Every structure is written in structure tokens, then in C-alpha cells.
N, C-alpha and C. Protein backbone atom coordinates (compact mmCIF):
# COMPACT_ATOMS: atom_id res chain seq x y z
N UNK A 1 105.60 73.82 100.62
CA UNK A 1 104.36 73.78 101.38
C UNK A 1 103.44 74.86 100.83
N UNK A 2 102.19 74.53 100.64
CA UNK A 2 101.18 75.47 100.19
C UNK A 2 100.22 75.67 101.35
N UNK A 3 99.93 76.91 101.67
CA UNK A 3 99.17 77.23 102.88
C UNK A 3 97.97 78.10 102.56
N UNK A 4 96.84 77.78 103.21
CA UNK A 4 95.68 78.66 103.17
C UNK A 4 95.63 79.33 104.54
N UNK A 5 95.73 80.66 104.52
CA UNK A 5 95.70 81.47 105.74
C UNK A 5 94.33 82.14 105.85
N UNK A 6 93.76 82.13 107.03
CA UNK A 6 92.51 82.84 107.28
C UNK A 6 92.85 84.15 107.96
N UNK A 7 92.41 85.25 107.35
CA UNK A 7 92.55 86.57 107.97
C UNK A 7 91.16 86.98 108.42
N UNK A 8 90.79 86.51 109.61
CA UNK A 8 89.46 86.77 110.15
C UNK A 8 89.29 88.23 110.56
N UNK A 9 90.37 88.83 111.03
CA UNK A 9 90.40 90.24 111.40
C UNK A 9 91.88 90.63 111.46
N UNK A 10 92.19 91.92 111.60
CA UNK A 10 93.61 92.29 111.70
C UNK A 10 94.34 91.63 112.87
N UNK A 11 93.61 91.24 113.91
CA UNK A 11 94.23 90.61 115.08
C UNK A 11 94.09 89.09 115.10
N UNK A 12 93.40 88.53 114.13
CA UNK A 12 93.15 87.09 114.11
C UNK A 12 93.50 86.51 112.74
N UNK A 13 94.73 86.02 112.65
CA UNK A 13 95.22 85.42 111.40
C UNK A 13 95.83 84.07 111.76
N UNK A 14 95.43 83.03 111.04
CA UNK A 14 95.95 81.70 111.36
C UNK A 14 95.95 80.82 110.11
N UNK A 15 96.90 79.85 110.06
CA UNK A 15 96.90 78.89 108.95
C UNK A 15 95.76 77.90 109.14
N UNK A 16 95.00 77.69 108.08
CA UNK A 16 93.85 76.80 108.18
C UNK A 16 94.08 75.46 107.48
N UNK A 17 94.82 75.50 106.39
CA UNK A 17 95.04 74.27 105.64
C UNK A 17 96.42 74.33 105.00
N UNK A 18 97.16 73.21 105.07
CA UNK A 18 98.49 73.15 104.47
C UNK A 18 98.59 71.92 103.60
N UNK A 19 99.25 72.10 102.48
CA UNK A 19 99.51 70.99 101.56
C UNK A 19 101.02 70.82 101.50
N UNK A 20 101.55 69.68 101.95
CA UNK A 20 103.00 69.49 101.87
C UNK A 20 103.41 69.27 100.42
N UNK A 21 104.58 69.72 100.09
CA UNK A 21 105.08 69.54 98.74
C UNK A 21 106.56 69.20 98.81
N UNK A 22 106.98 68.36 97.92
CA UNK A 22 108.39 68.02 97.85
C UNK A 22 109.11 68.91 96.85
N UNK A 23 108.46 69.97 96.40
CA UNK A 23 109.07 70.90 95.46
C UNK A 23 108.76 70.57 94.02
N UNK A 24 108.15 69.42 93.77
CA UNK A 24 107.84 69.05 92.41
C UNK A 24 106.36 69.26 92.07
N UNK A 25 105.62 69.90 92.96
CA UNK A 25 104.21 70.20 92.73
C UNK A 25 104.09 71.69 92.41
N UNK A 26 103.59 72.00 91.22
CA UNK A 26 103.44 73.40 90.81
C UNK A 26 102.34 74.06 91.63
N UNK A 27 102.48 75.37 91.84
CA UNK A 27 101.46 76.13 92.55
C UNK A 27 100.10 75.96 91.89
N UNK A 28 100.09 75.98 90.56
CA UNK A 28 98.83 75.88 89.83
C UNK A 28 98.14 74.52 90.05
N UNK A 29 98.89 73.48 90.39
CA UNK A 29 98.28 72.18 90.69
C UNK A 29 97.86 72.10 92.16
N UNK A 30 98.65 72.64 93.05
CA UNK A 30 98.35 72.60 94.49
C UNK A 30 97.10 73.41 94.82
N UNK A 31 96.84 74.45 94.05
CA UNK A 31 95.71 75.32 94.34
C UNK A 31 94.39 74.57 94.31
N UNK A 32 94.30 73.50 93.53
CA UNK A 32 93.06 72.71 93.48
C UNK A 32 92.71 72.11 94.83
N UNK A 33 93.71 71.89 95.68
CA UNK A 33 93.48 71.27 96.98
C UNK A 33 93.26 72.31 98.09
N UNK A 34 93.49 73.56 97.78
CA UNK A 34 93.37 74.62 98.79
C UNK A 34 92.05 75.37 98.66
N UNK A 35 91.54 75.49 97.46
CA UNK A 35 90.34 76.29 97.21
C UNK A 35 89.08 75.46 97.36
N UNK A 36 88.11 76.00 98.10
CA UNK A 36 86.77 75.45 98.21
C UNK A 36 85.80 76.55 97.80
N UNK A 37 84.70 76.21 97.19
CA UNK A 37 83.68 77.21 96.85
C UNK A 37 82.85 77.48 98.10
N UNK A 38 83.43 78.22 99.04
CA UNK A 38 82.80 78.40 100.34
C UNK A 38 82.46 79.86 100.68
N UNK A 39 82.51 80.74 99.68
CA UNK A 39 82.18 82.13 99.92
C UNK A 39 83.36 82.98 100.37
N UNK A 40 84.51 82.35 100.61
CA UNK A 40 85.70 83.11 101.01
C UNK A 40 86.31 83.78 99.78
N UNK A 41 87.06 84.83 100.00
CA UNK A 41 87.82 85.48 98.93
C UNK A 41 89.24 84.94 99.00
N UNK A 42 89.69 84.26 97.95
CA UNK A 42 91.02 83.67 97.90
C UNK A 42 91.98 84.66 97.26
N UNK A 43 93.02 85.02 98.01
CA UNK A 43 94.01 86.00 97.56
C UNK A 43 95.30 85.24 97.31
N UNK A 44 95.82 85.36 96.07
CA UNK A 44 96.96 84.54 95.67
C UNK A 44 97.99 85.34 94.90
N UNK A 45 99.19 84.79 94.86
CA UNK A 45 100.28 85.41 94.13
C UNK A 45 100.37 84.84 92.72
N UNK A 46 101.35 85.31 91.97
CA UNK A 46 101.49 84.99 90.54
C UNK A 46 101.49 83.51 90.20
N UNK A 47 102.07 82.68 91.03
CA UNK A 47 102.19 81.26 90.71
C UNK A 47 100.86 80.57 90.49
N UNK A 48 99.80 81.13 91.01
CA UNK A 48 98.48 80.53 90.92
C UNK A 48 97.65 81.10 89.77
N UNK A 49 98.19 82.09 89.05
CA UNK A 49 97.43 82.83 88.04
C UNK A 49 97.49 82.14 86.67
N UNK A 50 96.50 81.31 86.41
CA UNK A 50 96.36 80.66 85.11
C UNK A 50 94.93 80.91 84.61
N UNK A 51 94.80 81.27 83.36
CA UNK A 51 93.48 81.61 82.81
C UNK A 51 92.48 80.47 82.97
N UNK A 52 92.91 79.25 82.68
CA UNK A 52 91.96 78.14 82.76
C UNK A 52 91.52 77.90 84.20
N UNK A 53 92.44 78.08 85.15
CA UNK A 53 92.07 77.94 86.57
C UNK A 53 91.05 79.00 86.95
N UNK A 54 91.34 80.25 86.55
CA UNK A 54 90.42 81.34 86.87
C UNK A 54 89.06 81.13 86.21
N UNK A 55 89.06 80.61 84.98
CA UNK A 55 87.80 80.30 84.32
C UNK A 55 86.99 79.27 85.10
N UNK A 56 87.68 78.26 85.62
CA UNK A 56 87.01 77.25 86.46
C UNK A 56 86.50 77.84 87.75
N UNK A 57 87.27 78.76 88.35
CA UNK A 57 86.82 79.41 89.58
C UNK A 57 85.58 80.24 89.33
N UNK A 58 85.55 80.94 88.20
CA UNK A 58 84.38 81.75 87.86
C UNK A 58 83.16 80.84 87.71
N UNK A 59 83.31 79.73 86.99
CA UNK A 59 82.20 78.78 86.82
C UNK A 59 81.77 78.18 88.15
N UNK A 60 82.70 77.97 89.07
CA UNK A 60 82.39 77.38 90.37
C UNK A 60 82.03 78.39 91.44
N UNK A 61 81.85 79.65 91.06
CA UNK A 61 81.51 80.72 92.01
C UNK A 61 82.54 80.90 93.11
N UNK A 62 83.81 80.69 92.79
CA UNK A 62 84.90 80.93 93.73
C UNK A 62 85.35 82.37 93.56
N UNK A 63 85.39 83.10 94.66
CA UNK A 63 85.83 84.50 94.63
C UNK A 63 87.34 84.54 94.75
N UNK A 64 87.99 85.33 93.89
CA UNK A 64 89.45 85.37 93.90
C UNK A 64 89.99 86.78 93.63
N UNK A 65 91.20 86.99 94.13
CA UNK A 65 92.00 88.18 93.86
C UNK A 65 93.42 87.65 93.64
N UNK A 66 93.89 87.72 92.41
CA UNK A 66 95.15 87.08 92.03
C UNK A 66 96.09 88.10 91.42
N UNK A 67 97.35 88.04 91.86
CA UNK A 67 98.38 88.85 91.22
C UNK A 67 98.80 88.12 89.94
N UNK A 68 98.86 88.86 88.84
CA UNK A 68 99.28 88.29 87.56
C UNK A 68 100.55 88.99 87.10
N UNK A 69 101.22 88.34 86.17
CA UNK A 69 102.44 88.93 85.61
C UNK A 69 102.08 90.05 84.64
N UNK A 70 103.02 90.92 84.40
CA UNK A 70 102.84 92.05 83.48
C UNK A 70 102.45 91.56 82.08
N UNK A 71 102.93 90.38 81.71
CA UNK A 71 102.68 89.84 80.37
C UNK A 71 101.36 89.09 80.25
N UNK A 72 100.58 89.03 81.32
CA UNK A 72 99.29 88.33 81.30
C UNK A 72 98.39 88.96 80.23
N UNK A 73 97.87 88.14 79.33
CA UNK A 73 97.06 88.66 78.22
C UNK A 73 95.58 88.68 78.60
N UNK A 74 94.96 89.81 78.25
CA UNK A 74 93.54 89.99 78.50
C UNK A 74 93.01 91.04 77.53
N UNK A 75 91.71 91.09 77.40
CA UNK A 75 91.07 92.06 76.51
C UNK A 75 90.35 93.10 77.36
N UNK A 76 90.69 94.36 77.15
CA UNK A 76 90.04 95.44 77.90
C UNK A 76 88.64 95.67 77.34
N UNK A 77 87.65 95.63 78.21
CA UNK A 77 86.26 95.87 77.82
C UNK A 77 85.84 97.30 78.15
N UNK A 78 86.36 97.80 79.28
CA UNK A 78 86.00 99.16 79.71
C UNK A 78 87.07 99.66 80.66
N UNK A 79 87.45 100.93 80.51
CA UNK A 79 88.43 101.56 81.40
C UNK A 79 87.74 102.57 82.30
N UNK A 80 88.22 102.64 83.54
CA UNK A 80 87.70 103.58 84.53
C UNK A 80 88.83 104.49 84.97
N UNK A 81 88.48 105.71 85.37
CA UNK A 81 89.49 106.61 85.93
C UNK A 81 89.80 106.15 87.35
N UNK A 82 91.09 105.92 87.65
CA UNK A 82 91.45 105.52 89.02
C UNK A 82 91.06 106.59 90.03
N UNK A 83 90.61 106.13 91.20
CA UNK A 83 90.24 107.05 92.27
C UNK A 83 91.21 106.99 93.45
N UNK A 84 92.08 105.99 93.45
CA UNK A 84 93.09 105.83 94.51
C UNK A 84 94.42 106.31 93.97
N UNK A 85 95.21 107.06 94.77
CA UNK A 85 96.47 107.62 94.26
C UNK A 85 97.50 106.58 93.80
N UNK A 86 97.48 105.37 94.35
CA UNK A 86 98.45 104.34 93.95
C UNK A 86 98.02 103.58 92.69
N UNK A 87 96.74 103.66 92.34
CA UNK A 87 96.21 102.89 91.21
C UNK A 87 96.51 103.62 89.90
N UNK A 88 97.10 102.88 88.94
CA UNK A 88 97.42 103.44 87.63
C UNK A 88 96.45 102.96 86.56
N UNK A 89 95.80 101.82 86.78
CA UNK A 89 94.79 101.30 85.84
C UNK A 89 93.67 100.63 86.60
N UNK A 90 92.46 100.84 86.14
CA UNK A 90 91.28 100.19 86.68
C UNK A 90 90.41 99.84 85.48
N UNK A 91 90.34 98.54 85.15
CA UNK A 91 89.65 98.14 83.93
C UNK A 91 88.76 96.93 84.17
N UNK A 92 87.73 96.83 83.34
CA UNK A 92 86.93 95.63 83.24
C UNK A 92 87.50 94.88 82.05
N UNK A 93 87.90 93.62 82.27
CA UNK A 93 88.59 92.88 81.21
C UNK A 93 87.97 91.49 81.04
N UNK A 94 88.32 90.88 79.92
CA UNK A 94 87.97 89.49 79.65
C UNK A 94 89.27 88.70 79.59
N UNK A 95 89.34 87.63 80.37
CA UNK A 95 90.55 86.80 80.33
C UNK A 95 90.37 85.60 79.41
N UNK A 96 89.15 85.14 79.28
CA UNK A 96 88.79 84.09 78.33
C UNK A 96 87.53 84.57 77.63
N UNK A 97 87.48 84.45 76.35
CA UNK A 97 86.39 85.06 75.59
C UNK A 97 85.00 84.61 76.04
N UNK A 98 84.87 83.40 76.55
CA UNK A 98 83.54 82.90 76.92
C UNK A 98 83.15 83.24 78.36
N UNK A 99 84.08 83.76 79.12
CA UNK A 99 83.83 84.00 80.55
C UNK A 99 83.25 85.39 80.79
N UNK A 100 82.67 85.53 81.97
CA UNK A 100 82.18 86.84 82.38
C UNK A 100 83.37 87.75 82.69
N UNK A 101 83.17 89.06 82.60
CA UNK A 101 84.29 89.99 82.81
C UNK A 101 84.79 89.97 84.26
N UNK A 102 86.06 90.31 84.40
CA UNK A 102 86.71 90.45 85.70
C UNK A 102 87.35 91.83 85.76
N UNK A 103 87.81 92.17 86.93
CA UNK A 103 88.40 93.49 87.13
C UNK A 103 89.91 93.40 87.17
N UNK A 104 90.55 94.33 86.49
CA UNK A 104 92.01 94.41 86.46
C UNK A 104 92.42 95.72 87.13
N UNK A 105 93.27 95.62 88.14
CA UNK A 105 93.79 96.79 88.85
C UNK A 105 95.31 96.75 88.77
N UNK A 106 95.89 97.84 88.34
CA UNK A 106 97.35 97.98 88.36
C UNK A 106 97.68 99.10 89.33
N UNK A 107 98.63 98.83 90.24
CA UNK A 107 99.03 99.87 91.19
C UNK A 107 100.53 99.80 91.41
N UNK A 108 101.06 100.87 91.98
CA UNK A 108 102.48 100.91 92.34
C UNK A 108 102.60 101.06 93.84
N UNK A 109 103.55 100.31 94.42
CA UNK A 109 103.78 100.42 95.86
C UNK A 109 104.65 101.64 96.15
N UNK A 110 105.06 101.78 97.42
CA UNK A 110 105.84 102.94 97.85
C UNK A 110 107.18 103.06 97.12
N UNK A 111 107.74 101.93 96.68
CA UNK A 111 109.02 101.95 95.96
C UNK A 111 108.84 102.11 94.46
N UNK A 112 107.60 102.18 93.99
CA UNK A 112 107.33 102.34 92.58
C UNK A 112 107.23 101.03 91.81
N UNK A 113 107.20 99.90 92.52
CA UNK A 113 107.08 98.59 91.88
C UNK A 113 105.63 98.38 91.44
N UNK A 114 105.42 98.05 90.16
CA UNK A 114 104.04 97.84 89.69
C UNK A 114 103.52 96.45 90.08
N UNK A 115 102.25 96.39 90.44
CA UNK A 115 101.55 95.15 90.74
C UNK A 115 100.32 95.09 89.85
N UNK A 116 100.01 93.88 89.37
CA UNK A 116 98.89 93.68 88.46
C UNK A 116 97.95 92.66 89.10
N UNK A 117 96.71 93.05 89.36
CA UNK A 117 95.76 92.20 90.07
C UNK A 117 94.51 91.96 89.23
N UNK A 118 93.96 90.77 89.35
CA UNK A 118 92.69 90.43 88.70
C UNK A 118 91.77 89.86 89.77
N UNK A 119 90.52 90.31 89.76
CA UNK A 119 89.53 89.80 90.70
C UNK A 119 88.17 89.69 90.03
N UNK A 120 87.38 88.75 90.50
CA UNK A 120 85.99 88.67 90.04
C UNK A 120 85.05 89.34 91.03
N UNK A 121 85.61 90.00 92.04
CA UNK A 121 84.82 90.78 93.00
C UNK A 121 84.66 92.19 92.46
N UNK A 122 83.68 92.39 91.61
CA UNK A 122 83.46 93.69 90.97
C UNK A 122 82.89 94.72 91.95
N UNK A 123 82.43 94.27 93.09
CA UNK A 123 81.82 95.16 94.08
C UNK A 123 82.85 95.86 94.97
N UNK A 124 84.10 95.45 94.94
CA UNK A 124 85.12 96.03 95.81
C UNK A 124 85.65 97.35 95.25
N UNK A 125 85.93 98.29 96.13
CA UNK A 125 86.55 99.54 95.72
C UNK A 125 88.04 99.30 95.49
N UNK A 126 88.69 100.26 94.86
CA UNK A 126 90.14 100.16 94.65
C UNK A 126 90.86 100.01 95.99
N UNK A 127 90.46 100.77 96.97
CA UNK A 127 91.11 100.72 98.28
C UNK A 127 90.91 99.35 98.94
N UNK A 128 89.71 98.79 98.83
CA UNK A 128 89.44 97.47 99.40
C UNK A 128 90.30 96.39 98.72
N UNK A 129 90.48 96.52 97.41
CA UNK A 129 91.31 95.56 96.67
C UNK A 129 92.76 95.67 97.13
N UNK A 130 93.29 96.88 97.26
CA UNK A 130 94.67 97.06 97.71
C UNK A 130 94.85 96.56 99.13
N UNK A 131 93.91 96.87 100.02
CA UNK A 131 94.00 96.40 101.41
C UNK A 131 93.93 94.88 101.48
N UNK A 132 93.06 94.29 100.68
CA UNK A 132 92.92 92.84 100.68
C UNK A 132 94.19 92.18 100.17
N UNK A 133 94.76 92.71 99.10
CA UNK A 133 96.00 92.13 98.58
C UNK A 133 97.13 92.28 99.60
N UNK A 134 97.16 93.39 100.30
CA UNK A 134 98.18 93.60 101.34
C UNK A 134 98.07 92.51 102.41
N UNK A 135 96.87 92.06 102.72
CA UNK A 135 96.69 91.00 103.72
C UNK A 135 97.29 89.67 103.27
N UNK A 136 97.54 89.50 101.97
CA UNK A 136 98.18 88.29 101.48
C UNK A 136 99.56 88.12 102.09
N UNK A 137 100.15 89.22 102.54
CA UNK A 137 101.49 89.15 103.14
C UNK A 137 101.50 88.37 104.44
N UNK A 138 100.32 88.11 105.03
CA UNK A 138 100.28 87.28 106.23
C UNK A 138 100.85 85.89 105.93
N UNK A 139 100.68 85.41 104.69
CA UNK A 139 101.26 84.13 104.29
C UNK A 139 102.78 84.21 104.38
N UNK A 140 103.34 85.30 103.87
CA UNK A 140 104.80 85.49 103.91
C UNK A 140 105.29 85.61 105.36
N UNK A 141 104.53 86.31 106.20
CA UNK A 141 104.90 86.43 107.61
C UNK A 141 104.87 85.06 108.29
N UNK A 142 103.89 84.23 107.93
CA UNK A 142 103.81 82.88 108.50
C UNK A 142 105.05 82.09 108.13
N UNK A 143 105.45 82.12 106.85
CA UNK A 143 106.64 81.38 106.44
C UNK A 143 107.90 81.94 107.10
N UNK A 144 107.96 83.26 107.27
CA UNK A 144 109.11 83.85 107.96
C UNK A 144 109.18 83.35 109.40
N UNK A 145 108.02 83.34 110.08
CA UNK A 145 107.97 82.84 111.45
C UNK A 145 108.40 81.38 111.48
N UNK A 146 107.87 80.59 110.54
CA UNK A 146 108.19 79.17 110.49
C UNK A 146 109.69 78.95 110.33
N UNK A 147 110.32 79.70 109.44
CA UNK A 147 111.76 79.56 109.20
C UNK A 147 112.58 79.99 110.42
N UNK A 148 112.10 81.01 111.13
CA UNK A 148 112.85 81.52 112.29
C UNK A 148 112.70 80.63 113.51
N UNK A 149 111.54 80.01 113.69
CA UNK A 149 111.27 79.27 114.92
C UNK A 149 111.30 77.76 114.77
N UNK A 150 110.97 77.27 113.61
CA UNK A 150 110.97 75.83 113.38
C UNK A 150 112.20 75.52 112.54
N UNK A 151 113.17 74.93 113.17
CA UNK A 151 114.48 74.70 112.52
C UNK A 151 114.47 73.37 111.76
N UNK A 152 114.12 73.46 110.49
CA UNK A 152 114.17 72.28 109.63
C UNK A 152 115.35 72.49 108.69
N UNK A 153 116.51 72.07 109.13
CA UNK A 153 117.71 72.28 108.32
C UNK A 153 117.93 71.14 107.34
N UNK A 154 117.34 69.98 107.62
CA UNK A 154 117.53 68.82 106.75
C UNK A 154 116.25 68.01 106.75
N UNK A 155 115.74 67.72 105.57
CA UNK A 155 114.56 66.87 105.47
C UNK A 155 114.98 65.42 105.62
N UNK A 156 114.36 64.72 106.56
CA UNK A 156 114.66 63.32 106.80
C UNK A 156 114.01 62.46 105.72
N UNK A 157 112.84 62.88 105.26
CA UNK A 157 112.10 62.15 104.24
C UNK A 157 111.66 63.13 103.16
N UNK A 158 111.46 62.64 101.96
CA UNK A 158 110.97 63.47 100.88
C UNK A 158 109.55 63.10 100.48
N UNK A 159 108.95 62.19 101.21
CA UNK A 159 107.55 61.84 100.95
C UNK A 159 106.67 62.83 101.69
N UNK A 160 105.47 63.10 101.19
CA UNK A 160 104.57 64.03 101.88
C UNK A 160 104.31 63.64 103.34
N UNK A 161 104.10 62.36 103.62
CA UNK A 161 103.84 61.92 104.99
C UNK A 161 105.07 62.17 105.86
N UNK A 162 106.24 61.87 105.35
CA UNK A 162 107.47 62.11 106.10
C UNK A 162 107.70 63.59 106.39
N UNK A 163 107.41 64.44 105.41
CA UNK A 163 107.56 65.89 105.60
C UNK A 163 106.59 66.38 106.67
N UNK A 164 105.33 65.89 106.59
CA UNK A 164 104.33 66.26 107.59
C UNK A 164 104.78 65.84 108.98
N UNK A 165 105.23 64.61 109.11
CA UNK A 165 105.67 64.12 110.42
C UNK A 165 106.81 64.97 110.97
N UNK A 166 107.78 65.28 110.13
CA UNK A 166 108.88 66.11 110.59
C UNK A 166 108.41 67.51 110.97
N UNK A 167 107.49 68.08 110.19
CA UNK A 167 106.96 69.41 110.52
C UNK A 167 106.22 69.38 111.86
N UNK A 168 105.38 68.36 112.08
CA UNK A 168 104.66 68.26 113.35
C UNK A 168 105.63 68.13 114.53
N UNK A 169 106.64 67.30 114.38
CA UNK A 169 107.63 67.13 115.46
C UNK A 169 108.34 68.45 115.74
N UNK A 170 108.73 69.15 114.70
CA UNK A 170 109.41 70.45 114.88
C UNK A 170 108.49 71.48 115.52
N UNK A 171 107.22 71.52 115.11
CA UNK A 171 106.27 72.46 115.70
C UNK A 171 106.02 72.14 117.17
N UNK A 172 105.88 70.87 117.50
CA UNK A 172 105.69 70.46 118.90
C UNK A 172 106.92 70.83 119.72
N UNK A 173 108.09 70.58 119.18
CA UNK A 173 109.34 70.92 119.87
C UNK A 173 109.40 72.43 120.12
N UNK A 174 109.05 73.20 119.11
CA UNK A 174 109.05 74.66 119.24
C UNK A 174 108.08 75.11 120.32
N UNK A 175 106.87 74.53 120.33
CA UNK A 175 105.87 74.89 121.35
C UNK A 175 106.34 74.52 122.75
N UNK A 176 106.95 73.34 122.90
CA UNK A 176 107.46 72.93 124.22
C UNK A 176 108.60 73.83 124.67
N UNK A 177 109.48 74.23 123.75
CA UNK A 177 110.56 75.15 124.09
C UNK A 177 110.01 76.47 124.61
N UNK A 178 108.95 76.96 123.98
CA UNK A 178 108.32 78.22 124.41
C UNK A 178 107.71 78.08 125.80
N UNK A 179 107.10 76.93 126.08
CA UNK A 179 106.49 76.69 127.39
C UNK A 179 107.57 76.57 128.48
N UNK A 180 108.71 76.04 128.13
CA UNK A 180 109.77 75.83 129.11
C UNK A 180 110.57 77.10 129.40
N UNK A 181 110.49 78.09 128.55
CA UNK A 181 111.26 79.34 128.77
C UNK A 181 110.66 80.23 129.83
């Protein structure tokens, strides 16, 4: 399942759009159905990070913040001194030679794990980029909640419609159980 989560505020987070998947749909293909050029900032993990997709988003005025792999190739155009203690690199880079520059931020979390981010939001500060990427974890929290409360131990159907129907039935059952407690 591919989900678009809206983080309207720290207290208002909700799933807005879901794409069912039978596991044979790559993240890079599903993203075409989740992204709209609507002025929102789309925050995504590594599976969605493809240069050609990002090039299309730039052309379509889609704002994005994407985690990329360490091996992601790009050309550094300009380096800046990091101003945030967790940030190890802050650069203006080119991901495709014909595209406008994007920003590359590398930071380490509390455990020392490096993260590599690319965004076309050049107006954001390092802190705003880190805070925004941290909000991407709401997607993970949603899936954790779904796994804990909606017990789908066996898929009855492997078609998208069948998966949707089973998910709706499970969600309704979960909601009714909560009302009855």
C-alpha cells in the first residue's frame, strides 16, 4: 500500500490518499498516482528517489524532499558551511545536467546514521528540512497503527479491488470494536 499522509499541524495528521498494491508495483511507479502539482511539499523515502522522476517533478513545479541513497550521483555546484549541528553537508547540486539546481543535505541522527536528502525547496533552512523529513515518520506510525489494530493476517484476494474491500471491512470492524468497548 502506498499512502499520502497530510501533516496539517503537529496535532492534525491523517491519510489522504492510498494506492493498494499487490507487492508487484514499484514505489517509483506508484508515486505517479500519489503526487499532484498542488503546492504541497512531498516528503518521500529512498524508494521514490529516481533522477528522471525528480526531473519531471521539477518541470511540473512539484515541491519535493526525498531521501536518496549514499550512492546517488550528482554534481556539486556550490558548497555551504553547515549551520545545524547534525548537518554534515549542505550543497547546491545538479542531478540532471539540464535541470535547475536542487539542494543536497546530509545529516546524522542521534545514533550516527547518515541520511542524504535532496529538495527543490531552496528557501528552507537546514532546521526546516530536518524537521520536515522527521514528519515523514508519520507514514511509518500510520502503518504501525494499521498493523497493530487492523488484523489482516491473510489476504483473501490479490486484486487491488479485493485488497481494498478487505481493508475497508477490517477498518470498519476495528472502528466498531472501539465503539463497543
